[in-house]
Amino acid sequence: MLILCYPKCSTCQKAKKWLDKQGVSYTERNIKDENPTFDELKEWYAKSGLPLKKFFNTSGLIYKSLNLKDKLPQMNEDEQLELLATDGMLVKRPLVVGDDFVLTGFREKEWSEKLK
């Protein structure tokens, strides 16, 4: 299982602590240093079954400064994925990629269901 995190993010820290406590093994990747590629995002989006908006860090500074709340509805999926691939800080974190699932953000109940 791969978890994409930003080390200074308190939610990512909380999520990793939770995973460790559950005894779940994972590979960690710094989302800022090694942001997801277009192809990775496209694959993960397809696997997730989630709306593409769930992949955006809507509370992030970059999201707000680019006024994406207003721009995203006019963009097609590939344009949105290309944008996400430009900067890991645009991507909702933590982002967990398993064999048959993808989770965005940390919601303990949802994680418990998927990781058991």
N, C-alpha and C. Protein backbone atom coordinates (compact mmCIF):
# COMPACT_ATOMS: atom_id res chain seq x y z
N MET A 1 0.84 -1.18 0.00
CA MET A 1 0.00 0.00 0.00
C MET A 1 0.89 1.25 0.00
N LEU A 2 0.50 2.22 -0.77
CA LEU A 2 1.25 3.47 -0.88
C LEU A 2 0.46 4.58 -0.22
N ILE A 3 1.15 5.38 0.59
CA ILE A 3 0.50 6.55 1.19
C ILE A 3 1.30 7.78 0.80
N LEU A 4 0.61 8.72 0.17
CA LEU A 4 1.24 9.98 -0.22
C LEU A 4 0.89 11.01 0.84
N CYS A 5 1.93 11.58 1.45
CA CYS A 5 1.76 12.50 2.58
C CYS A 5 2.65 13.72 2.41
N TYR A 6 2.33 14.72 3.18
CA TYR A 6 3.20 15.88 3.36
C TYR A 6 3.63 15.82 4.82
N PRO A 7 4.94 15.68 5.10
CA PRO A 7 5.40 15.46 6.47
C PRO A 7 4.93 16.49 7.50
N LYS A 8 4.72 17.75 7.08
CA LYS A 8 4.31 18.78 8.03
C LYS A 8 2.80 18.83 8.25
N CYS A 9 2.06 18.02 7.50
CA CYS A 9 0.60 18.00 7.59
C CYS A 9 0.16 17.20 8.83
N SER A 10 -0.57 17.85 9.72
CA SER A 10 -1.00 17.18 10.95
C SER A 10 -1.96 16.03 10.66
N THR A 11 -2.78 16.16 9.63
CA THR A 11 -3.70 15.07 9.28
C THR A 11 -2.92 13.85 8.79
N CYS A 12 -1.86 14.09 8.01
CA CYS A 12 -1.02 12.98 7.54
C CYS A 12 -0.33 12.30 8.72
N GLN A 13 0.16 13.09 9.66
CA GLN A 13 0.81 12.53 10.84
C GLN A 13 -0.17 11.67 11.64
N LYS A 14 -1.37 12.16 11.80
CA LYS A 14 -2.42 11.42 12.52
C LYS A 14 -2.75 10.11 11.79
N ALA A 15 -2.85 10.19 10.46
CA ALA A 15 -3.16 9.01 9.65
C ALA A 15 -2.07 7.95 9.77
N LYS A 16 -0.81 8.38 9.73
CA LYS A 16 0.30 7.42 9.84
C LYS A 16 0.33 6.77 11.22
N LYS A 17 0.08 7.56 12.25
CA LYS A 17 0.00 7.00 13.60
C LYS A 17 -1.10 5.94 13.68
N TRP A 18 -2.23 6.24 13.07
CA TRP A 18 -3.36 5.31 13.08
C TRP A 18 -2.97 4.02 12.35
N LEU A 19 -2.34 4.15 11.17
CA LEU A 19 -1.91 2.97 10.41
C LEU A 19 -0.93 2.13 11.22
N ASP A 20 0.03 2.79 11.87
CA ASP A 20 1.03 2.08 12.69
C ASP A 20 0.35 1.33 13.82
N LYS A 21 -0.61 1.98 14.46
CA LYS A 21 -1.34 1.38 15.57
C LYS A 21 -2.13 0.15 15.12
N GLN A 22 -2.64 0.21 13.87
CA GLN A 22 -3.40 -0.92 13.32
C GLN A 22 -2.49 -2.03 12.79
N GLY A 23 -1.19 -1.74 12.74
CA GLY A 23 -0.24 -2.72 12.21
C GLY A 23 -0.28 -2.85 10.70
N VAL A 24 -0.72 -1.79 10.03
CA VAL A 24 -0.79 -1.79 8.57
C VAL A 24 0.55 -1.35 8.00
N SER A 25 1.11 -2.14 7.10
CA SER A 25 2.39 -1.75 6.49
C SER A 25 2.11 -0.92 5.24
N TYR A 26 2.97 0.05 5.01
CA TYR A 26 2.78 0.96 3.88
C TYR A 26 4.12 1.54 3.45
N THR A 27 4.13 2.04 2.24
CA THR A 27 5.27 2.77 1.71
C THR A 27 4.86 4.23 1.68
N GLU A 28 5.69 5.09 2.24
CA GLU A 28 5.36 6.52 2.29
C GLU A 28 6.08 7.27 1.18
N ARG A 29 5.38 8.22 0.59
CA ARG A 29 5.96 9.08 -0.44
C ARG A 29 5.59 10.52 -0.13
N ASN A 30 6.59 11.39 -0.15
CA ASN A 30 6.37 12.82 0.11
C ASN A 30 5.71 13.44 -1.12
N ILE A 31 4.48 13.87 -0.94
CA ILE A 31 3.67 14.37 -2.06
C ILE A 31 4.20 15.69 -2.62
N LYS A 32 4.95 16.43 -1.81
CA LYS A 32 5.51 17.70 -2.28
C LYS A 32 6.78 17.46 -3.10
N ASP A 33 7.63 16.54 -2.64
CA ASP A 33 8.89 16.26 -3.34
C ASP A 33 8.69 15.40 -4.59
N GLU A 34 7.72 14.52 -4.53
CA GLU A 34 7.47 13.60 -5.65
C GLU A 34 5.97 13.56 -5.92
N ASN A 35 5.48 14.63 -6.56
CA ASN A 35 4.04 14.71 -6.78
C ASN A 35 3.59 13.65 -7.78
N PRO A 36 2.33 13.23 -7.65
CA PRO A 36 1.80 12.20 -8.54
C PRO A 36 1.83 12.66 -10.00
N THR A 37 2.07 11.72 -10.89
CA THR A 37 2.09 12.03 -12.32
C THR A 37 0.65 11.99 -12.86
N PHE A 38 0.49 12.51 -14.05
CA PHE A 38 -0.81 12.48 -14.72
C PHE A 38 -1.31 11.04 -14.82
N ASP A 39 -0.43 10.13 -15.27
CA ASP A 39 -0.82 8.73 -15.45
C ASP A 39 -1.21 8.06 -14.13
N GLU A 40 -0.45 8.34 -13.08
CA GLU A 40 -0.80 7.80 -11.76
C GLU A 40 -2.17 8.31 -11.32
N LEU A 41 -2.36 9.61 -11.43
CA LEU A 41 -3.64 10.21 -11.01
C LEU A 41 -4.81 9.66 -11.81
N LYS A 42 -4.60 9.49 -13.11
CA LYS A 42 -5.67 8.96 -13.97
C LYS A 42 -6.05 7.54 -13.52
N GLU A 43 -5.04 6.73 -13.25
CA GLU A 43 -5.27 5.35 -12.80
C GLU A 43 -5.97 5.33 -11.43
N TRP A 44 -5.47 6.13 -10.50
CA TRP A 44 -6.02 6.15 -9.15
C TRP A 44 -7.46 6.69 -9.14
N TYR A 45 -7.70 7.69 -9.95
CA TYR A 45 -9.05 8.26 -10.07
C TYR A 45 -10.02 7.19 -10.57
N ALA A 46 -9.62 6.46 -11.61
CA ALA A 46 -10.47 5.40 -12.17
C ALA A 46 -10.73 4.30 -11.12
N LYS A 47 -9.71 3.95 -10.36
CA LYS A 47 -9.81 2.89 -9.35
C LYS A 47 -10.65 3.33 -8.15
N SER A 48 -10.67 4.62 -7.87
CA SER A 48 -11.28 5.12 -6.64
C SER A 48 -12.81 5.11 -6.64
N GLY A 49 -13.40 5.35 -7.81
CA GLY A 49 -14.85 5.50 -7.87
C GLY A 49 -15.33 6.80 -7.26
N LEU A 50 -14.41 7.70 -6.94
CA LEU A 50 -14.73 8.99 -6.33
C LEU A 50 -14.88 10.07 -7.38
N PRO A 51 -15.63 11.14 -7.06
CA PRO A 51 -15.63 12.30 -7.96
C PRO A 51 -14.23 12.91 -7.99
N LEU A 52 -13.83 13.44 -9.12
CA LEU A 52 -12.47 13.99 -9.26
C LEU A 52 -12.21 15.11 -8.26
N LYS A 53 -13.23 15.85 -7.90
CA LYS A 53 -13.06 16.96 -6.95
C LYS A 53 -12.49 16.47 -5.61
N LYS A 54 -12.75 15.20 -5.26
CA LYS A 54 -12.24 14.63 -4.00
C LYS A 54 -10.73 14.52 -3.99
N PHE A 55 -10.10 14.63 -5.15
CA PHE A 55 -8.64 14.54 -5.24
C PHE A 55 -7.97 15.90 -5.02
N PHE A 56 -8.77 16.96 -4.97
CA PHE A 56 -8.22 18.30 -4.79
C PHE A 56 -8.18 18.68 -3.32
N ASN A 57 -7.09 19.30 -2.91
CA ASN A 57 -6.95 19.84 -1.56
C ASN A 57 -7.65 21.20 -1.56
N THR A 58 -8.96 21.17 -1.35
CA THR A 58 -9.78 22.38 -1.48
C THR A 58 -9.51 23.41 -0.38
N SER A 59 -8.85 23.01 0.69
CA SER A 59 -8.54 23.98 1.74
C SER A 59 -7.10 24.51 1.62
N GLY A 60 -6.39 24.09 0.58
CA GLY A 60 -5.01 24.51 0.40
C GLY A 60 -4.87 25.91 -0.18
N LEU A 61 -3.72 26.50 0.09
CA LEU A 61 -3.44 27.86 -0.38
C LEU A 61 -3.40 27.97 -1.90
N ILE A 62 -2.82 26.96 -2.56
CA ILE A 62 -2.71 27.01 -4.02
C ILE A 62 -4.10 26.92 -4.65
N TYR A 63 -4.93 26.03 -4.14
CA TYR A 63 -6.30 25.87 -4.64
C TYR A 63 -7.03 27.22 -4.57
N LYS A 64 -6.89 27.88 -3.43
CA LYS A 64 -7.58 29.16 -3.24
C LYS A 64 -6.97 30.26 -4.10
N SER A 65 -5.63 30.32 -4.16
CA SER A 65 -4.99 31.39 -4.93
C SER A 65 -5.26 31.28 -6.42
N LEU A 66 -5.46 30.06 -6.92
CA LEU A 66 -5.77 29.86 -8.34
C LEU A 66 -7.26 29.96 -8.63
N ASN A 67 -8.05 30.21 -7.56
CA ASN A 67 -9.50 30.36 -7.70
C ASN A 67 -10.13 29.13 -8.38
N LEU A 68 -9.68 27.94 -7.97
CA LEU A 68 -10.11 26.72 -8.62
C LEU A 68 -11.57 26.37 -8.36
N LYS A 69 -12.12 26.88 -7.29
CA LYS A 69 -13.54 26.63 -7.00
C LYS A 69 -14.39 27.05 -8.20
N ASP A 70 -14.01 28.15 -8.82
CA ASP A 70 -14.77 28.66 -9.97
C ASP A 70 -14.28 28.07 -11.30
N LYS A 71 -13.00 27.69 -11.37
CA LYS A 71 -12.42 27.23 -12.64
C LYS A 71 -12.66 25.75 -12.92
N LEU A 72 -12.65 24.90 -11.88
CA LEU A 72 -12.76 23.45 -12.09
C LEU A 72 -14.01 23.03 -12.88
N PRO A 73 -15.18 23.61 -12.60
CA PRO A 73 -16.37 23.17 -13.34
C PRO A 73 -16.25 23.36 -14.86
N GLN A 74 -15.41 24.29 -15.32
CA GLN A 74 -15.24 24.52 -16.75
C GLN A 74 -14.15 23.64 -17.36
N MET A 75 -13.43 22.90 -16.53
CA MET A 75 -12.32 22.08 -17.02
C MET A 75 -12.78 20.63 -17.20
N ASN A 76 -12.25 19.97 -18.25
CA ASN A 76 -12.58 18.55 -18.41
C ASN A 76 -11.67 17.71 -17.49
N GLU A 77 -11.92 16.41 -17.44
CA GLU A 77 -11.18 15.54 -16.52
C GLU A 77 -9.68 15.57 -16.77
N ASP A 78 -9.27 15.45 -18.02
CA ASP A 78 -7.84 15.44 -18.32
C ASP A 78 -7.17 16.76 -17.91
N GLU A 79 -7.85 17.88 -18.14
CA GLU A 79 -7.30 19.17 -17.72
C GLU A 79 -7.15 19.23 -16.20
N GLN A 80 -8.12 18.71 -15.48
CA GLN A 80 -8.04 18.69 -14.02
C GLN A 80 -6.90 17.78 -13.55
N LEU A 81 -6.76 16.62 -14.17
CA LEU A 81 -5.69 15.69 -13.80
C LEU A 81 -4.32 16.30 -14.12
N GLU A 82 -4.22 16.97 -15.27
CA GLU A 82 -2.96 17.65 -15.63
C GLU A 82 -2.61 18.70 -14.57
N LEU A 83 -3.60 19.45 -14.13
CA LEU A 83 -3.39 20.47 -13.11
C LEU A 83 -2.92 19.84 -11.80
N LEU A 84 -3.58 18.78 -11.39
CA LEU A 84 -3.19 18.07 -10.16
C LEU A 84 -1.74 17.58 -10.24
N ALA A 85 -1.32 17.15 -11.42
CA ALA A 85 0.03 16.61 -11.60
C ALA A 85 1.11 17.69 -11.55
N THR A 86 0.72 18.97 -11.60
CA THR A 86 1.72 20.05 -11.59
C THR A 86 2.27 20.33 -10.20
N ASP A 87 1.50 20.02 -9.15
CA ASP A 87 1.94 20.36 -7.80
C ASP A 87 1.25 19.44 -6.79
N GLY A 88 2.06 18.68 -6.05
CA GLY A 88 1.52 17.77 -5.06
C GLY A 88 0.68 18.45 -3.98
N MET A 89 0.92 19.74 -3.76
CA MET A 89 0.18 20.46 -2.73
C MET A 89 -1.28 20.73 -3.15
N LEU A 90 -1.59 20.50 -4.43
CA LEU A 90 -2.97 20.62 -4.89
C LEU A 90 -3.78 19.36 -4.57
N VAL A 91 -3.05 18.27 -4.29
CA VAL A 91 -3.69 16.97 -4.12
C VAL A 91 -4.12 16.76 -2.66
N LYS A 92 -5.33 16.27 -2.48
CA LYS A 92 -5.86 15.96 -1.15
C LYS A 92 -4.96 14.92 -0.50
N ARG A 93 -4.63 15.15 0.75
CA ARG A 93 -3.76 14.21 1.45
C ARG A 93 -4.30 13.90 2.83
N PRO A 94 -3.91 12.80 3.38
CA PRO A 94 -3.12 11.75 2.73
C PRO A 94 -3.92 11.06 1.62
N LEU A 95 -3.19 10.55 0.67
CA LEU A 95 -3.77 9.81 -0.43
C LEU A 95 -3.25 8.38 -0.31
N VAL A 96 -4.16 7.43 -0.13
CA VAL A 96 -3.77 6.04 0.06
C VAL A 96 -4.16 5.23 -1.17
N VAL A 97 -3.19 4.49 -1.70
CA VAL A 97 -3.44 3.67 -2.87
C VAL A 97 -3.18 2.21 -2.52
N GLY A 98 -4.26 1.42 -2.52
CA GLY A 98 -4.15 -0.02 -2.28
C GLY A 98 -4.32 -0.77 -3.58
N ASP A 99 -4.35 -2.09 -3.50
CA ASP A 99 -4.50 -2.90 -4.71
C ASP A 99 -5.83 -2.65 -5.40
N ASP A 100 -6.89 -2.48 -4.61
CA ASP A 100 -8.22 -2.34 -5.23
C ASP A 100 -9.02 -1.16 -4.66
N PHE A 101 -8.31 -0.19 -4.10
CA PHE A 101 -9.01 0.98 -3.57
C PHE A 101 -8.08 2.19 -3.51
N VAL A 102 -8.69 3.36 -3.42
CA VAL A 102 -7.96 4.62 -3.24
C VAL A 102 -8.75 5.43 -2.22
N LEU A 103 -8.05 5.99 -1.24
CA LEU A 103 -8.69 6.83 -0.22
C LEU A 103 -8.07 8.22 -0.26
N THR A 104 -8.91 9.24 -0.19
CA THR A 104 -8.40 10.62 -0.13
C THR A 104 -8.79 11.21 1.22
N GLY A 105 -7.83 11.84 1.87
CA GLY A 105 -8.09 12.41 3.19
C GLY A 105 -8.13 11.31 4.24
N PHE A 106 -8.18 11.69 5.50
CA PHE A 106 -8.20 10.70 6.58
C PHE A 106 -9.52 10.77 7.33
N ARG A 107 -10.31 9.72 7.12
CA ARG A 107 -11.56 9.54 7.87
C ARG A 107 -11.47 8.14 8.46
N GLU A 108 -11.28 8.09 9.77
CA GLU A 108 -10.98 6.83 10.46
C GLU A 108 -11.99 5.73 10.15
N LYS A 109 -13.28 6.05 10.15
CA LYS A 109 -14.32 5.03 9.90
C LYS A 109 -14.14 4.42 8.50
N GLU A 110 -13.94 5.28 7.52
CA GLU A 110 -13.76 4.81 6.14
C GLU A 110 -12.50 3.96 6.02
N TRP A 111 -11.42 4.41 6.64
CA TRP A 111 -10.17 3.67 6.60
C TRP A 111 -10.32 2.31 7.27
N SER A 112 -11.01 2.28 8.41
CA SER A 112 -11.22 1.02 9.12
C SER A 112 -11.93 0.00 8.23
N GLU A 113 -12.93 0.46 7.50
CA GLU A 113 -13.69 -0.43 6.62
C GLU A 113 -12.84 -0.96 5.46
N LYS A 114 -12.04 -0.10 4.87
CA LYS A 114 -11.25 -0.50 3.69
C LYS A 114 -10.01 -1.31 4.05
N LEU A 115 -9.44 -1.04 5.22
CA LEU A 115 -8.15 -1.65 5.56
C LEU A 115 -8.24 -2.88 6.44
N LYS A 116 -9.43 -3.35 6.70
CA LYS A 116 -9.58 -4.55 7.55
C LYS A 116 -9.76 -5.77 6.69
